[in-house]
Protein backbone atom coordinates (compact mmCIF):
# COMPACT_ATOMS: atom_id res chain seq x y z
CA UNK A 1 11.35 -42.94 -44.49
CA UNK A 2 13.79 -44.97 -45.07
CA UNK A 3 14.95 -44.76 -48.93
CA UNK A 4 16.10 -48.18 -50.61
CA UNK A 5 20.05 -48.03 -51.30
CA UNK A 6 22.67 -45.67 -50.58
CA UNK A 7 25.63 -43.89 -52.41
CA UNK A 8 29.02 -43.18 -50.73
CA UNK A 9 31.09 -41.06 -53.29
CA UNK A 10 33.27 -38.35 -53.10
CA UNK A 11 34.47 -36.32 -56.17
CA UNK A 12 37.23 -33.63 -56.88
CA UNK A 13 38.80 -31.57 -59.19
CA UNK A 14 41.93 -32.47 -61.36
CA UNK A 15 44.56 -34.23 -59.36
CA UNK A 16 47.01 -36.46 -61.56
CA UNK A 17 48.06 -38.99 -59.46
CA UNK A 18 50.11 -41.54 -59.98
CA UNK A 19 48.73 -45.57 -61.08
CA UNK A 20 50.25 -46.67 -57.93
CA UNK A 21 48.90 -44.22 -55.71
CA UNK A 22 45.03 -44.98 -57.43
CA UNK A 23 45.87 -48.31 -56.73
CA UNK A 24 46.66 -48.11 -53.15
CA UNK A 25 43.96 -45.07 -52.82
CA UNK A 26 40.90 -47.70 -53.74
CA UNK A 27 42.50 -50.99 -52.24
CA UNK A 28 42.67 -48.89 -48.69
CA UNK A 29 38.97 -48.01 -49.36
CA UNK A 30 37.88 -51.25 -49.88
CA UNK A 31 39.58 -52.50 -46.76
CA UNK A 32 38.58 -49.16 -44.62
CA UNK A 33 34.85 -50.54 -45.69
CA UNK A 34 35.44 -54.13 -44.89
CA UNK A 35 36.66 -53.18 -41.61
CA UNK A 36 33.05 -52.35 -40.26
CA UNK A 37 31.76 -56.25 -41.38
CA UNK A 38 28.07 -57.22 -43.04
CA UNK A 39 27.79 -56.81 -46.50
CA UNK A 40 30.84 -54.29 -46.55
CA UNK A 41 32.89 -56.77 -45.74
CA UNK A 42 31.84 -58.77 -48.28
CA UNK A 43 34.71 -59.97 -51.19
CA UNK A 44 35.38 -57.46 -54.41
CA UNK A 45 35.89 -58.88 -58.33
CA UNK A 46 36.98 -56.43 -60.88
CA UNK A 47 34.29 -55.44 -63.64
CA UNK A 48 33.92 -55.05 -67.33
CA UNK A 49 31.35 -53.41 -68.52
CA UNK A 50 31.48 -53.11 -72.01
CA UNK A 51 30.20 -56.36 -72.27
CA UNK A 52 28.58 -56.74 -68.19
CA UNK A 53 30.66 -59.20 -66.67
CA UNK A 54 33.00 -61.04 -63.46
CA UNK A 55 36.38 -60.69 -64.22
CA UNK A 56 38.50 -61.42 -61.46
CA UNK A 57 38.34 -61.64 -57.93
CA UNK A 58 39.95 -58.63 -55.91
CA UNK A 59 41.56 -60.51 -52.74
CA UNK A 60 44.66 -57.91 -51.92
CA UNK A 61 46.90 -55.14 -53.37
CA UNK A 62 48.67 -57.82 -55.56
CA UNK A 63 45.50 -58.48 -57.49
CA UNK A 64 43.96 -54.78 -58.10
CA UNK A 65 47.09 -53.37 -59.26
CA UNK A 66 46.03 -56.30 -61.74
CA UNK A 67 42.96 -55.72 -62.93
CA UNK A 68 43.22 -51.83 -62.94
CA UNK A 69 46.53 -52.22 -64.79
CA UNK A 70 44.25 -54.52 -67.15
CA UNK A 71 41.60 -51.36 -67.20
CA UNK A 72 43.82 -49.06 -67.93
CA UNK A 73 45.31 -50.92 -70.89
CA UNK A 74 41.82 -51.29 -71.77
CA UNK A 75 40.74 -47.48 -73.00
CA UNK A 76 36.98 -48.60 -74.03
CA UNK A 77 35.32 -46.74 -70.73
CA UNK A 78 37.06 -43.82 -68.22
CA UNK A 79 36.92 -45.79 -65.22
CA UNK A 80 36.82 -48.24 -62.87
CA UNK A 81 34.28 -50.90 -62.12
CA UNK A 82 34.35 -53.50 -58.88
CA UNK A 83 31.62 -55.23 -57.93
CA UNK A 84 30.71 -58.37 -55.14
CA UNK A 85 28.99 -60.79 -55.52
CA UNK A 86 24.87 -61.48 -55.66
CA UNK A 87 24.09 -63.69 -52.85
CA UNK A 88 20.66 -62.96 -52.43
CA UNK A 89 21.89 -59.67 -49.79
CA UNK A 90 22.53 -56.45 -50.53
CA UNK A 91 25.99 -56.26 -52.52
CA UNK A 92 28.15 -53.36 -53.61
CA UNK A 93 29.11 -51.68 -56.31
CA UNK A 94 32.09 -49.40 -56.80
CA UNK A 95 32.68 -46.91 -60.62
CA UNK A 96 36.52 -45.18 -60.13
CA UNK A 97 37.37 -42.67 -62.63
CA UNK A 98 40.52 -41.01 -60.70
CA UNK A 99 44.05 -39.61 -62.19
CA UNK A 100 42.76 -37.02 -64.51
CA UNK A 101 44.74 -33.57 -64.74
CA UNK A 102 41.67 -31.26 -64.89
CA UNK A 103 38.14 -31.37 -65.03
CA UNK A 104 35.55 -30.49 -68.21
CA UNK A 105 32.05 -28.68 -68.85
CA UNK A 106 29.28 -30.75 -66.20
CA UNK A 107 31.59 -33.40 -64.22
CA UNK A 108 33.98 -33.37 -61.71
CA UNK A 109 37.71 -34.76 -63.29
CA UNK A 110 37.28 -37.01 -60.40
CA UNK A 111 35.08 -39.57 -58.95
CA UNK A 112 34.49 -42.34 -57.20
CA UNK A 113 30.79 -43.96 -56.29
CA UNK A 114 30.05 -46.68 -54.42
CA UNK A 115 26.49 -48.22 -54.70
CA UNK A 116 24.73 -50.14 -52.08
CA UNK A 117 21.74 -51.80 -53.22
CA UNK A 118 19.40 -55.04 -53.50
CA UNK A 119 20.03 -57.73 -56.36
CA UNK A 120 17.03 -56.93 -58.79
CA UNK A 121 17.57 -60.86 -60.35
CA UNK A 122 15.43 -62.97 -57.51
CA UNK A 123 12.48 -62.59 -56.51
CA UNK A 124 12.56 -61.77 -52.63
CA UNK A 125 16.23 -60.24 -51.85
CA UNK A 126 17.60 -59.43 -48.91
CA UNK A 127 17.00 -56.30 -47.89
CA UNK A 128 19.76 -52.96 -48.03
CA UNK A 129 20.01 -52.36 -44.02
CA UNK A 130 20.17 -49.04 -44.45
CA UNK A 131 19.07 -48.41 -40.83
CA UNK A 132 22.42 -49.83 -39.39
CA UNK A 133 23.97 -48.15 -42.52
CA UNK A 134 22.73 -44.37 -41.75
CA UNK A 135 24.64 -45.30 -38.25
CA UNK A 136 27.48 -45.11 -39.28
CA UNK A 137 26.85 -42.54 -41.99
CA UNK A 138 29.72 -40.28 -40.24
CA UNK A 139 32.30 -42.97 -40.20
CA UNK A 140 31.73 -44.36 -43.94
CA UNK A 141 31.69 -39.86 -45.33
CA UNK A 142 35.44 -39.57 -43.30
CA UNK A 143 36.68 -42.79 -44.35
CA UNK A 144 35.94 -42.02 -48.83
CA UNK A 145 37.90 -38.28 -47.40
CA UNK A 146 40.28 -39.68 -45.44
CA UNK A 147 41.66 -41.80 -48.23
CA UNK A 148 40.89 -39.25 -52.05
CA UNK A 149 41.18 -36.28 -49.83
CA UNK A 150 38.18 -34.75 -52.30
CA UNK A 151 36.62 -31.82 -52.74
CA UNK A 152 33.15 -32.84 -51.61
CA UNK A 153 32.00 -36.27 -50.07
CA UNK A 154 28.59 -37.56 -49.06
CA UNK A 155 26.56 -40.63 -48.04
CA UNK A 156 23.06 -40.07 -50.51
CA UNK A 157 20.78 -41.93 -51.83
CA UNK A 158 19.02 -41.61 -55.56
CA UNK A 159 15.65 -40.32 -54.15
CA UNK A 160 18.62 -37.37 -53.12
CA UNK A 161 20.54 -37.29 -56.04
CA UNK A 162 16.88 -36.36 -57.64
CA UNK A 163 16.16 -33.55 -55.80
CA UNK A 164 20.56 -31.86 -56.50
CA UNK A 165 19.52 -29.11 -58.59
CA UNK A 166 20.81 -27.84 -61.86
CA UNK A 167 21.44 -30.47 -63.75
CA UNK A 168 24.88 -31.61 -63.44
CA UNK A 169 27.48 -33.49 -61.76
CA UNK A 170 30.00 -30.87 -60.69
CA UNK A 171 28.09 -29.67 -57.70
CA UNK A 172 28.48 -31.34 -54.92
CA UNK A 173 25.75 -33.83 -53.36
CA UNK A 174 23.66 -33.15 -49.85
CA UNK A 175 22.97 -36.62 -47.99
CA UNK A 176 21.83 -38.12 -45.03
CA UNK A 177 26.14 -36.97 -44.21
CA UNK A 178 28.31 -35.02 -46.63
CA UNK A 179 31.39 -33.51 -46.36
CA UNK A 180 32.17 -30.22 -48.45
CA UNK A 181 35.42 -29.13 -48.04
CA UNK A 182 36.39 -24.60 -48.20
CA UNK A 183 36.60 -25.07 -51.49
CA UNK A 184 33.28 -25.72 -52.41
CA UNK A 185 31.53 -23.64 -49.83
CA UNK A 186 31.39 -21.02 -47.34
CA UNK A 187 31.62 -23.13 -43.59
CA UNK A 188 29.91 -20.22 -42.25
CA UNK A 189 27.22 -20.13 -44.68
CA UNK A 190 26.53 -23.50 -43.81
CA UNK A 191 22.89 -24.44 -41.91
CA UNK A 192 22.55 -25.79 -38.38
CA UNK A 193 22.71 -29.63 -38.64
CA UNK A 194 22.30 -32.11 -35.60
CA UNK A 195 25.74 -33.02 -37.17
CA UNK A 196 28.37 -30.00 -37.49
CA UNK A 197 32.15 -30.34 -37.14
CA UNK A 198 35.45 -28.99 -39.03
CA UNK A 199 37.52 -32.73 -40.18
CA UNK A 200 40.64 -31.67 -41.99
CA UNK A 201 40.56 -29.22 -44.43
CA UNK A 202 35.71 -29.14 -44.47
CA UNK A 203 33.42 -29.49 -42.98
CA UNK A 204 30.99 -32.64 -41.57
CA UNK A 205 27.47 -32.07 -41.09
CA UNK A 206 24.26 -34.38 -41.80
CA UNK A 207 20.68 -35.35 -39.80
CA UNK A 208 20.96 -36.93 -36.98
CA UNK A 209 21.16 -41.21 -36.48
CA UNK A 210 18.98 -41.42 -34.96
CA UNK A 211 16.39 -39.29 -37.31
CA UNK A 212 12.75 -40.88 -37.99
CA UNK A 213 13.13 -39.98 -41.12
CA UNK A 214 16.18 -40.11 -42.52
CA UNK A 215 14.42 -39.64 -45.98
CA UNK A 216 12.51 -36.62 -45.36
CA UNK A 217 15.33 -34.56 -42.63
CA UNK A 218 18.31 -35.35 -45.71
CA UNK A 219 15.77 -34.47 -48.54
CA UNK A 220 15.05 -31.24 -46.69
CA UNK A 221 17.74 -29.87 -45.45
CA UNK A 222 19.55 -30.63 -49.62
CA UNK A 223 16.69 -28.28 -50.65
CA UNK A 224 17.90 -25.64 -48.06
CA UNK A 225 21.83 -25.78 -49.00
CA UNK A 226 20.20 -25.56 -52.83
CA UNK A 227 18.08 -22.98 -52.86
CA UNK A 228 20.34 -21.12 -50.24
CA UNK A 229 22.33 -20.99 -53.27
CA UNK A 230 25.55 -21.29 -51.34
CA UNK A 231 27.92 -24.21 -53.34
CA UNK A 232 30.43 -23.96 -56.04
CA UNK A 233 31.42 -26.37 -58.58
CA UNK A 234 33.69 -28.59 -57.81
CA UNK A 235 36.90 -26.99 -59.37
CA UNK A 236 37.88 -27.85 -62.74
CA UNK A 237 41.91 -28.12 -61.03
CA UNK A 238 42.01 -29.13 -57.58
CA UNK A 239 43.31 -26.62 -55.42
CA UNK A 240 43.23 -23.61 -58.31
CA UNK A 241 39.88 -20.74 -58.21
CA UNK A 242 37.87 -22.39 -60.60
CA UNK A 243 36.50 -19.02 -63.29
CA UNK A 244 32.84 -20.44 -62.89
CA UNK A 245 32.33 -20.30 -59.75
CA UNK A 246 31.62 -16.27 -58.34
């Protein structure tokens, strides 16, 4: 089985990146996605979530800087949002909450979430090109890792989000491809997987790109890792020992 939508995400502990650094990272992710072509290359708009409406196009770094500066001044939400136009085809939305110096409670301090989904407002939209995107899973995950230097990253889906145990968002997500820093798992305790290699300060794992049942295999992998109790919570502050992890 294949999922209906896909989620590309990164999570990391507290890190007070400057506004310029934050803007540069978001632009770099948008640029890397665009290089893959297809729906990943469609133009972005900044998004006001209260109420939900598109604000201004984001065609270059200057326009992104202006949009992020305006959003920071608003203070009505703790995240910045961007959205592609819904033109009858699958589209992306991006929610960005970064530059936070420490986490608290049940949520990682810093998160980036790219939701790839089909339009909900027309009768027969083009479906998400899931097979093509799963073929890019390793690259998409390493892209977001290289840009944001997180503690965990994954290409997963709504179905796999529901598998995630313990009910809160400071735990790393396990997806079709996942990257786990040494801060959140001891690499030697990870199970054998078709995809497994070191990348930077962490380990990339995942199912085979040509799996006939990607949802089933990824669900089983996620359950195996969660049940093994080998993951640690994304730390409150990046590169510091977290008292919540044993």
